[in-house]
Protein backbone atom coordinates (compact mmCIF):
# COMPACT_ATOMS: atom_id res chain seq x y z
CA MET A 1 71.96 -134.83 -124.25
CA LYS A 2 69.12 -133.24 -126.21
CA LYS A 3 67.00 -136.42 -125.94
CA PHE A 4 67.69 -136.58 -122.20
CA ILE A 5 66.47 -132.99 -121.73
CA GLN A 6 63.36 -133.78 -123.79
CA LYS A 7 62.59 -136.83 -121.65
CA VAL A 8 63.09 -134.87 -118.43
CA THR A 9 60.85 -132.08 -119.75
CA ILE A 10 58.12 -134.55 -120.73
CA ALA A 11 58.37 -136.29 -117.35
CA PHE A 12 58.12 -132.94 -115.59
CA ILE A 13 55.04 -131.94 -117.62
CA LEU A 14 53.40 -135.30 -116.94
CA LEU A 15 54.10 -134.90 -113.20
CA ILE A 16 52.55 -131.43 -113.16
CA CYS A 17 49.50 -132.73 -115.03
CA PHE A 18 49.24 -135.60 -112.56
CA LEU A 19 49.38 -133.23 -109.57
CA ILE A 20 46.88 -130.80 -111.07
CA SER A 21 44.48 -133.61 -112.01
CA ASN A 22 44.49 -134.96 -108.47
CA PHE A 23 44.00 -131.45 -107.09
CA ILE A 24 40.92 -130.95 -109.31
CA ILE A 25 39.51 -134.34 -108.32
CA ASN A 26 40.05 -133.75 -104.60
CA ASN A 27 38.64 -130.25 -104.84
CA HIS A 28 35.52 -131.76 -106.39
CA PHE A 29 35.24 -134.25 -103.53
CA ILE A 30 35.60 -131.44 -100.96
CA ASN A 31 32.94 -129.31 -102.64
CA ASN A 32 30.51 -132.22 -102.74
CA GLN A 33 31.18 -134.06 -99.48
CA LYS A 34 28.10 -134.19 -97.26
CA THR A 35 29.71 -134.18 -93.79
CA GLU A 36 26.49 -135.12 -92.02
CA ILE A 37 26.27 -134.53 -88.27
CA ASN A 38 23.33 -136.53 -86.99
CA SER A 39 23.04 -134.59 -83.74
CA LYS A 40 21.41 -131.31 -82.83
CA VAL A 41 23.87 -130.49 -80.05
CA LEU A 42 27.51 -130.03 -81.07
CA ILE A 43 30.31 -130.11 -78.50
CA MET A 44 33.24 -128.10 -79.86
CA GLY A 45 36.61 -126.83 -78.66
CA GLY A 46 40.02 -128.10 -77.67
CA SER A 47 41.33 -130.96 -75.57
CA HIS A 48 39.64 -129.75 -72.36
CA ILE A 49 36.29 -130.22 -74.08
CA LYS A 50 37.30 -133.35 -75.98
CA SER A 51 38.16 -135.17 -72.76
CA GLY A 52 35.74 -133.25 -70.52
CA LEU A 53 32.29 -133.65 -72.09
CA ASP A 54 31.04 -137.15 -72.79
CA PRO A 55 28.11 -137.09 -75.26
CA LYS A 56 26.57 -140.22 -73.78
CA PHE A 57 25.43 -138.03 -70.87
CA ILE A 58 24.13 -135.21 -73.10
CA GLU A 59 21.07 -136.03 -75.19
CA ASN A 60 21.35 -135.88 -78.98
CA SER A 61 24.91 -134.58 -78.84
CA LYS A 62 28.17 -135.24 -80.66
CA ASN A 63 31.67 -134.30 -79.48
CA ILE A 64 33.67 -132.98 -82.44
CA ALA A 65 36.32 -131.19 -80.37
CA PHE A 66 39.95 -131.44 -81.41
CA PRO A 67 43.07 -131.05 -79.20
CA GLY A 68 44.34 -127.50 -79.45
CA GLU A 69 41.32 -126.25 -81.38
CA THR A 70 41.05 -122.46 -81.32
CA TYR A 71 38.04 -120.17 -81.79
CA PHE A 72 39.42 -119.48 -85.26
CA ASP A 73 39.06 -123.20 -86.04
CA THR A 74 35.73 -123.61 -84.26
CA PHE A 75 34.13 -120.71 -86.13
CA HIS A 76 35.12 -122.01 -89.58
CA LYS A 77 34.23 -125.59 -88.66
CA LEU A 78 30.74 -124.58 -87.51
CA LYS A 79 30.22 -122.30 -90.52
CA TYR A 80 31.11 -125.19 -92.83
CA LEU A 81 28.77 -127.61 -91.08
CA VAL A 82 25.85 -125.18 -91.03
CA GLN A 83 26.13 -124.79 -94.81
CA LYS A 84 25.43 -128.50 -95.24
CA SER A 85 21.65 -128.66 -95.73
CA LYS A 86 21.15 -132.02 -93.99
CA ASN A 87 22.59 -130.77 -90.69
CA SER A 88 20.12 -129.41 -88.16
CA ILE A 89 22.21 -127.86 -85.38
CA SER A 90 20.27 -126.21 -82.57
CA THR A 91 22.90 -125.85 -79.83
CA VAL A 92 26.67 -125.46 -79.73
CA ILE A 93 28.62 -126.09 -76.53
CA CYS A 94 32.18 -124.83 -76.65
CA GLY A 95 35.01 -124.28 -74.21
CA PHE A 96 35.62 -120.96 -72.53
CA GLY A 97 38.71 -121.11 -70.38
CA HIS A 98 41.76 -118.95 -69.80
CA ASN A 99 43.71 -121.16 -72.21
CA ASN A 100 41.24 -120.36 -75.00
CA ILE A 101 42.50 -116.77 -75.20
CA CYS A 102 46.20 -117.39 -74.53
CA GLY A 103 48.86 -116.23 -76.98
CA LEU A 104 50.01 -119.81 -77.56
CA ASN A 105 47.10 -120.12 -79.99
CA ASP A 106 48.75 -117.62 -82.34
CA ASP A 107 51.75 -119.94 -82.75
CA LYS A 108 49.71 -122.90 -83.89
CA TYR A 109 49.71 -121.95 -87.58
CA VAL A 110 53.23 -120.56 -87.54
CA LYS A 111 55.68 -122.86 -85.79
CA GLU A 112 56.72 -125.80 -87.91
CA ALA A 113 56.08 -128.56 -85.37
CA MET A 114 52.50 -127.43 -84.67
CA SER A 115 51.48 -125.76 -87.91
CA ILE A 116 51.55 -128.87 -90.11
CA GLU A 117 49.21 -130.70 -87.74
CA TYR A 118 46.72 -127.80 -87.76
CA LEU A 119 46.95 -127.14 -91.48
CA GLU A 120 46.28 -130.80 -92.25
CA ARG A 121 43.04 -130.55 -90.28
CA ILE A 122 41.61 -127.35 -91.70
CA TYR A 123 42.73 -127.18 -95.33
CA PRO A 124 39.26 -128.28 -96.61
CA ILE A 125 37.33 -125.63 -94.64
CA ILE A 126 39.56 -122.55 -94.30
CA PRO A 127 40.73 -121.12 -97.64
CA TYR A 128 44.17 -119.61 -98.02
CA LYS A 129 42.65 -116.18 -98.68
CA THR A 130 41.49 -116.28 -95.05
CA LEU A 131 44.69 -117.73 -93.63
CA LYS A 132 46.93 -115.20 -95.37
CA HIS A 133 45.54 -112.38 -93.22
CA PHE A 134 47.22 -114.00 -90.21
CA ASP A 135 50.69 -115.35 -89.50
CA VAL A 136 50.84 -118.75 -91.15
CA ASN A 137 53.54 -121.20 -92.18
CA LYS A 138 53.27 -120.63 -95.95
CA LYS A 139 55.71 -123.39 -96.86
CA GLY A 140 53.84 -125.73 -94.52
CA TYR A 141 50.56 -124.83 -96.19
CA LEU A 142 52.00 -125.57 -99.64
CA LYS A 143 53.33 -128.92 -98.38
CA THR A 144 49.91 -129.72 -96.94
CA ILE A 145 48.10 -128.94 -100.20
CA ILE A 146 50.55 -131.05 -102.21
CA ARG A 147 50.38 -133.95 -99.77
CA LYS A 148 46.61 -133.90 -99.19
CA MET A 149 45.32 -132.68 -102.54
CA CYS A 150 47.82 -133.51 -105.27
CA LEU A 151 49.37 -136.93 -104.65
CA TYR A 152 46.28 -139.15 -104.93
CA PRO A 153 42.48 -138.93 -105.05
CA LYS A 154 40.82 -139.09 -101.63
CA THR A 155 37.04 -139.24 -101.36
CA SER A 156 36.85 -137.99 -97.76
CA HIS A 157 38.49 -134.80 -96.44
CA GLU A 158 36.95 -134.62 -92.98
CA ALA A 159 39.88 -134.81 -90.58
CA PHE A 160 38.66 -131.57 -88.97
CA ILE A 161 35.75 -133.47 -87.37
CA GLY A 162 37.96 -135.50 -85.05
CA ASN A 163 37.17 -138.91 -83.59
CA GLY A 164 34.85 -137.99 -80.75
CA PHE A 165 35.10 -137.98 -76.98
CA ASN A 166 38.44 -139.17 -75.64
CA GLY A 167 38.27 -140.18 -71.99
CA ARG A 168 41.41 -140.05 -69.88
CA LYS A 169 42.66 -142.06 -66.95
CA PRO A 170 43.34 -140.33 -63.61
CA ALA A 171 47.03 -139.42 -63.46
CA LEU A 172 47.24 -136.16 -61.51
CA GLU A 173 50.27 -137.40 -59.60
CA LEU A 174 52.25 -137.42 -62.88
CA SER A 175 51.26 -133.87 -63.81
CA LYS A 176 53.57 -130.92 -63.19
CA VAL A 177 51.45 -127.82 -62.77
CA ASN A 178 54.31 -125.37 -63.42
CA GLU A 179 54.99 -126.99 -66.78
CA ARG A 180 51.31 -126.81 -67.73
CA ILE A 181 51.11 -123.14 -66.81
CA LYS A 182 54.37 -122.29 -68.58
CA HIS A 183 53.24 -124.09 -71.72
CA HIS A 184 49.98 -122.13 -71.95
CA TYR A 185 50.90 -118.67 -70.73
CA TYR A 186 54.63 -118.00 -70.89
CA ALA A 187 57.30 -117.48 -73.52
CA GLN A 188 60.87 -117.29 -72.23
CA ASP A 189 59.65 -116.55 -68.68
CA THR A 190 57.47 -113.66 -69.87
CA VAL A 191 53.67 -113.75 -69.82
CA ARG A 192 52.39 -114.04 -73.37
CA PRO A 193 49.88 -111.45 -74.59
CA VAL A 194 46.40 -112.77 -75.25
CA SER A 195 45.39 -113.94 -78.72
CA GLU A 196 43.51 -110.99 -80.22
CA ARG A 197 42.69 -113.15 -83.22
CA ASP A 198 40.86 -115.74 -81.14
CA ILE A 199 39.05 -113.12 -79.09
CA GLN A 200 37.87 -111.65 -82.40
CA TYR A 201 36.71 -115.08 -83.58
CA LEU A 202 34.89 -115.73 -80.32
CA ASP A 203 32.92 -112.56 -81.08
CA SER A 204 32.35 -113.87 -84.62
CA LEU A 205 31.10 -117.15 -83.18
CA VAL A 206 28.63 -115.28 -80.97
CA SER A 207 27.34 -113.24 -83.94
CA PHE A 208 27.17 -116.23 -86.28
CA THR A 209 25.22 -118.47 -83.91
CA ALA A 210 22.78 -115.64 -83.18
CA LYS A 211 22.13 -115.11 -86.90
CA GLN A 212 21.66 -118.85 -87.42
CA ASN A 213 19.30 -119.16 -84.41
CA ILE A 214 21.73 -121.55 -82.76
CA ASN A 215 21.97 -121.55 -78.97
CA LEU A 216 25.54 -120.94 -77.84
CA VAL A 217 26.65 -122.28 -74.46
CA VAL A 218 30.21 -121.70 -73.25
CA VAL A 219 31.66 -123.94 -70.56
CA ASN A 220 34.72 -123.44 -68.41
CA ILE A 221 35.86 -127.00 -67.70
CA PRO A 222 37.08 -127.41 -64.08
CA GLN A 223 40.77 -126.93 -63.46
CA HIS A 224 42.69 -128.06 -60.43
CA LYS A 225 43.05 -125.28 -57.85
CA GLU A 226 46.84 -125.40 -58.22
CA TYR A 227 46.39 -124.61 -61.92
CA TYR A 228 43.81 -121.83 -61.90
CA SER A 229 45.49 -120.06 -58.98
CA ALA A 230 48.71 -119.90 -61.07
CA VAL A 231 47.10 -118.41 -64.20
CA PRO A 232 48.78 -114.99 -64.74
CA ALA A 233 46.79 -111.99 -63.51
CA PRO A 234 46.71 -110.18 -66.92
CA ILE A 235 45.08 -113.26 -68.50
CA LYS A 236 42.49 -113.45 -65.74
CA LYS A 237 41.71 -109.75 -66.06
CA ARG A 238 41.14 -109.93 -69.83
CA TYR A 239 39.13 -113.11 -69.41
CA GLN A 240 36.78 -111.38 -66.96
CA LYS A 241 36.21 -108.54 -69.43
CA ILE A 242 35.34 -111.02 -72.17
CA GLU A 243 33.04 -112.90 -69.81
CA SER A 244 31.17 -109.66 -69.02
CA ARG A 245 30.77 -108.95 -72.73
CA LEU A 246 29.40 -112.44 -73.34
CA LYS A 247 26.83 -111.91 -70.60
CA GLU A 248 25.83 -108.59 -72.18
CA ASN A 249 25.20 -110.52 -75.40
CA ASN A 250 23.03 -113.04 -73.52
CA VAL A 251 25.42 -115.94 -74.09
CA ARG A 252 24.79 -118.74 -71.63
CA ILE A 253 27.89 -119.28 -69.51
CA LEU A 254 28.48 -122.36 -67.38
CA ASP A 255 31.45 -121.54 -65.18
CA LEU A 256 32.64 -124.78 -63.58
CA LEU A 257 36.22 -123.61 -63.18
CA LYS A 258 36.29 -124.02 -59.40
CA LEU A 259 33.98 -127.01 -59.16
CA ASP A 260 35.09 -129.07 -56.16
CA LEU A 261 36.41 -132.34 -57.59
CA GLU A 262 38.56 -135.10 -56.16
CA ASP A 263 42.11 -135.58 -57.43
CA SER A 264 41.02 -138.85 -59.04
CA GLU A 265 38.63 -136.85 -61.21
CA TYR A 266 41.53 -135.11 -62.94
CA SER A 267 43.85 -136.56 -65.55
CA ASN A 268 46.28 -133.69 -65.12
CA HIS A 269 45.96 -130.20 -63.67
CA ASP A 270 43.75 -128.89 -66.49
CA HIS A 271 42.13 -132.00 -67.97
CA LEU A 272 39.48 -134.25 -66.45
CA SER A 273 39.61 -138.01 -66.07
CA ASN A 274 36.72 -140.22 -67.20
CA LYS A 275 35.20 -139.94 -63.74
CA GLY A 276 35.44 -136.16 -63.75
CA ALA A 277 34.02 -135.99 -67.29
CA ALA A 278 30.96 -138.00 -66.21
CA ILE A 279 30.27 -135.54 -63.39
CA VAL A 280 30.73 -132.42 -65.51
CA SER A 281 28.80 -133.85 -68.48
CA SER A 282 25.83 -134.56 -66.19
CA ILE A 283 25.94 -130.97 -64.89
CA VAL A 284 26.00 -129.63 -68.44
CA SER A 285 23.09 -131.90 -69.39
CA ASP A 286 21.03 -130.73 -66.40
CA SER A 287 21.76 -127.10 -67.30
CA LEU A 288 20.65 -127.60 -70.90
CA ASN A 289 17.39 -129.13 -69.65
CA GLN A 290 16.82 -126.23 -67.26
CA TRP A 291 17.37 -123.76 -70.11
CA GLY A 292 15.01 -125.71 -72.33
CA LEU A 293 17.72 -126.56 -74.82
């Protein structure tokens, strides 16, 4: 029995050493990864931006948006990329829609089903000392660190970049607008409060880009009239206040919310199809040229 306990103890110590060694190695890779972005114009935000702005229509641009990305994520992602000396970022285009301030965003690091996905993206760029100030799935974070940092050495930790523009096929006839609205703005038939955290980080994004001499352009991707007319009034009211504050801070706003598009130019009630993305991307490109960006 004594020998068995000794063997188990030794095995346990060796396992801990193995996990710690891999953590140290992966931490070294994270601290030294270059993460080069060979474009001066970054397109950032959630799925509306990922499927709505095609970089082939916007000169010297790269779409690094990620489905569900919040201003909290965008701020830390941009801050990380700016710190890399080889990146020369002059303009950031990010989404600015009603969904970007909705309370659903606060659940994304808390609820088990969503939180693991988000934590696995951002663990290299958002330290726990930042996350702990907000509601976060602590067990999920520990699982993420063990899985991504401790099990094996991995030279690249850049999942937060995403895989670029993702065009969608037209499928508006399959979309149920009430389900889309409920998903974004309601919890148990009650309108969710806005995400104060993401409103705060939008302000941080404005301040950070100004300090870094980066032009910030916010774009409200078109939404089908059945969708935007159903957005709850309290969300619209707060959105308008934020929009006014952005204008006061001289942030360039491209409001394409009510752009007149055909049904075939939507993938669902709040995402564009490839055809719609081509139209909107061209408008954004023309606006950048007019602004001298």
